[in-house]
Amino acid sequence: MRESEAVTAEQHSRESIRIARTTRELLKKFAAAYRMFSDMDDHAPRTTSTHSMSTIESSFTDEDIHEHIAITKELFLLIIQDQSVQFLMDELELPHDRANLFEIIDADGSGTLHVTELVQGLLKIRGEVKKSDAVATLLATKAIQNMVLETRPEFTRGWFRVVSFDPKVA
């Protein structure tokens, strides 16, 4: 029993390390693209070659990945077209409908993805969608709807009290 638990723990540890390394490589690609596009002159065309991308990437270190990186939807869509990015996303078992991932990962709706938001989002959507995922989302949505419905009468009463005409005051 203990031997099989040790094997399982070792497999889990190896898998965690693999995911961490793959995620780091993917982040390097996003950071390299961010640097390349932020360094470009605004008048320069927004095209990139595989050679220039790999040159920038090879000089990247973990320190180059920082919270100030902000990936826009346009840049995200350009980055995910790269074959090596697609390969890394496959390695992370990310959904194949990648053109819509930006909206899913951009949890705060800011229109940009910062490093933390990107990593957390990618890791949360890994793997197959399960029925429990859909049910959890549905239940969370219903709970939010109920909270809004409960607060709406209070808001409406307060609104009418403020804007209603009171002949005694006039």
Protein backbone atom coordinates (compact mmCIF):
# COMPACT_ATOMS: atom_id res chain seq x y z
CA MET A 1 0.00 0.00 0.00
CA ARG A 2 2.68 2.50 0.99
CA GLU A 3 4.73 1.62 -2.08
CA SER A 4 1.82 2.42 -4.43
CA GLU A 5 1.15 5.68 -2.56
CA ALA A 6 4.81 6.64 -2.99
CA VAL A 7 4.63 5.85 -6.72
CA THR A 8 1.44 7.91 -7.06
CA ALA A 9 2.99 10.82 -5.15
CA GLU A 10 6.08 10.67 -7.37
CA GLN A 11 3.94 10.62 -10.53
CA HIS A 12 1.93 13.57 -9.24
CA SER A 13 5.15 15.44 -8.46
CA ARG A 14 6.56 14.76 -11.95
CA GLU A 15 3.30 15.89 -13.56
CA SER A 16 3.28 19.11 -11.48
CA ILE A 17 6.84 19.87 -12.56
CA ARG A 18 5.96 19.19 -16.22
CA ILE A 19 2.98 21.53 -16.04
CA ALA A 20 5.06 24.24 -14.33
CA ARG A 21 7.81 24.03 -16.96
CA THR A 22 5.33 24.04 -19.85
CA THR A 23 3.49 27.00 -18.35
CA ARG A 24 6.79 28.87 -17.91
CA GLU A 25 7.70 28.24 -21.56
CA LEU A 26 4.27 29.47 -22.65
CA LEU A 27 4.67 32.60 -20.50
CA LYS A 28 8.05 33.27 -22.10
CA LYS A 29 6.35 33.26 -25.49
CA PHE A 30 3.69 35.70 -24.31
CA ALA A 31 6.33 37.92 -22.67
CA ALA A 32 8.53 37.84 -25.79
CA ALA A 33 5.61 38.79 -28.01
CA TYR A 34 4.61 41.55 -25.60
CA ARG A 35 8.14 42.97 -25.62
CA MET A 36 8.40 42.72 -29.39
CA PHE A 37 5.09 44.49 -30.00
CA SER A 38 5.57 47.11 -27.29
CA ASP A 39 9.03 47.95 -28.66
CA MET A 40 7.72 48.28 -32.21
CA ASP A 41 7.08 51.69 -33.63
CA ASP A 42 3.34 52.43 -33.80
CA HIS A 43 3.67 52.89 -37.57
CA ALA A 44 5.34 49.53 -38.13
CA PRO A 45 3.18 46.73 -39.52
CA ARG A 46 1.93 44.20 -37.00
CA THR A 47 3.49 41.14 -38.58
CA THR A 48 6.08 38.87 -37.08
CA SER A 49 8.37 36.22 -38.39
CA THR A 50 9.14 32.98 -36.62
CA HIS A 51 12.83 33.87 -36.71
CA SER A 52 12.42 37.21 -34.91
CA MET A 53 10.09 35.66 -32.34
CA SER A 54 12.48 32.80 -31.54
CA THR A 55 15.44 35.21 -31.32
CA ILE A 56 13.67 37.34 -28.72
CA GLU A 57 12.47 34.24 -26.84
CA SER A 58 15.92 32.69 -26.58
CA SER A 59 17.20 35.75 -24.72
CA PHE A 60 14.31 35.69 -22.25
CA THR A 61 14.77 34.67 -18.64
CA ASP A 62 12.25 34.15 -15.85
CA GLU A 63 13.01 37.67 -14.61
CA ASP A 64 11.66 39.08 -17.88
CA ILE A 65 8.22 37.78 -17.00
CA HIS A 66 6.69 40.44 -14.77
CA GLU A 67 3.30 41.75 -13.73
CA HIS A 68 3.55 44.84 -15.95
CA ILE A 69 3.02 42.72 -19.04
CA ALA A 70 -0.49 43.35 -20.35
CA ILE A 71 -1.65 41.12 -23.19
CA THR A 72 -4.44 42.63 -25.29
CA LYS A 73 -6.93 40.49 -27.18
CA GLU A 74 -5.27 41.44 -30.49
CA LEU A 75 -1.87 40.31 -29.22
CA PHE A 76 -3.33 37.16 -27.64
CA LEU A 77 -4.89 36.17 -30.98
CA LEU A 78 -1.57 36.75 -32.76
CA ILE A 79 0.41 34.74 -30.21
CA ILE A 80 -1.87 31.71 -30.28
CA GLN A 81 -1.40 31.41 -34.04
CA ASP A 82 2.22 30.38 -33.48
CA GLN A 83 2.78 26.61 -33.89
CA SER A 84 5.02 26.35 -30.83
CA VAL A 85 2.38 28.13 -28.71
CA GLN A 86 -0.25 25.71 -30.01
CA PHE A 87 2.01 22.80 -29.06
CA LEU A 88 2.47 24.12 -25.52
CA MET A 89 -1.27 24.71 -25.19
CA ASP A 90 -1.83 21.10 -26.30
CA GLU A 91 0.70 19.97 -23.68
CA LEU A 92 -1.32 21.84 -21.03
CA GLU A 93 -4.52 20.20 -22.30
CA LEU A 94 -6.18 23.55 -23.01
CA PRO A 95 -9.47 23.58 -24.95
CA HIS A 96 -9.09 23.62 -28.73
CA ASP A 97 -11.43 26.61 -29.14
CA ARG A 98 -8.56 28.96 -28.37
CA ALA A 99 -9.87 32.02 -30.16
CA ASN A 100 -12.44 32.45 -27.36
CA LEU A 101 -10.04 31.81 -24.46
CA PHE A 102 -9.24 35.50 -24.01
CA GLU A 103 -12.77 36.36 -22.88
CA ILE A 104 -12.83 33.36 -20.56
CA ILE A 105 -9.48 34.18 -18.95
CA ASP A 106 -10.11 37.95 -18.73
CA ALA A 107 -12.09 37.49 -15.53
CA ASP A 108 -12.13 41.16 -14.56
CA GLY A 109 -13.23 42.27 -18.04
CA SER A 110 -10.38 44.79 -18.31
CA GLY A 111 -9.51 43.91 -21.89
CA THR A 112 -5.96 42.92 -20.95
CA LEU A 113 -4.40 39.89 -19.34
CA HIS A 114 -1.65 40.36 -16.78
CA VAL A 115 0.73 37.51 -15.97
CA THR A 116 -1.11 36.34 -12.85
CA GLU A 117 -4.50 36.48 -14.56
CA LEU A 118 -3.11 34.62 -17.59
CA VAL A 119 -1.49 31.83 -15.55
CA GLN A 120 -4.44 31.35 -13.20
CA GLY A 121 -6.89 31.37 -16.08
CA LEU A 122 -4.94 28.89 -18.19
CA LEU A 123 -4.44 26.50 -15.31
CA LYS A 124 -8.11 26.64 -14.30
CA ILE A 125 -9.37 25.72 -17.76
CA ARG A 126 -7.01 22.80 -18.29
CA GLY A 127 -8.44 19.40 -19.09
CA GLU A 128 -11.79 18.15 -20.21
CA VAL A 129 -14.98 19.98 -19.32
CA LYS A 130 -16.97 17.93 -16.86
CA LYS A 131 -20.66 18.04 -16.13
CA SER A 132 -19.82 19.22 -12.61
CA ASP A 133 -18.07 22.28 -14.08
CA ALA A 134 -21.21 23.25 -15.99
CA VAL A 135 -23.46 22.64 -12.97
CA ALA A 136 -21.16 24.69 -10.70
CA THR A 137 -21.28 27.59 -13.15
CA LEU A 138 -25.06 27.37 -13.40
CA LEU A 139 -25.46 27.33 -9.60
CA ALA A 140 -23.11 30.29 -9.17
CA THR A 141 -25.03 32.25 -11.82
CA LYS A 142 -28.36 31.50 -10.14
CA ALA A 143 -26.98 32.58 -6.76
CA ILE A 144 -25.85 35.90 -8.24
CA GLN A 145 -29.24 36.39 -9.91
CA ASN A 146 -30.98 35.81 -6.58
CA MET A 147 -28.71 38.31 -4.83
CA VAL A 148 -29.47 40.92 -7.50
CA LEU A 149 -33.21 40.26 -7.26
CA GLU A 150 -33.09 40.58 -3.46
CA THR A 151 -31.30 43.93 -3.57
CA ARG A 152 -33.35 45.39 -6.43
CA PRO A 153 -36.48 46.22 -4.36
CA GLU A 154 -34.32 48.05 -1.81
CA PHE A 155 -32.61 50.00 -4.56
CA THR A 156 -35.92 50.76 -6.29
CA ARG A 157 -37.55 51.95 -3.04
CA GLY A 158 -34.58 54.19 -2.29
CA TRP A 159 -34.64 55.58 -5.83
CA PHE A 160 -38.32 56.47 -5.77
CA ARG A 161 -37.99 58.02 -2.33
CA VAL A 162 -35.29 60.36 -3.60
CA VAL A 163 -36.93 61.38 -6.89
CA SER A 164 -40.64 61.24 -6.00
CA PHE A 165 -42.54 64.47 -5.72
CA ASP A 166 -43.67 65.28 -2.18
CA PRO A 167 -46.24 68.12 -2.16
CA LYS A 168 -45.54 68.89 1.52
CA VAL A 169 -41.93 69.74 0.69
CA ALA A 170 -42.80 71.98 -2.29
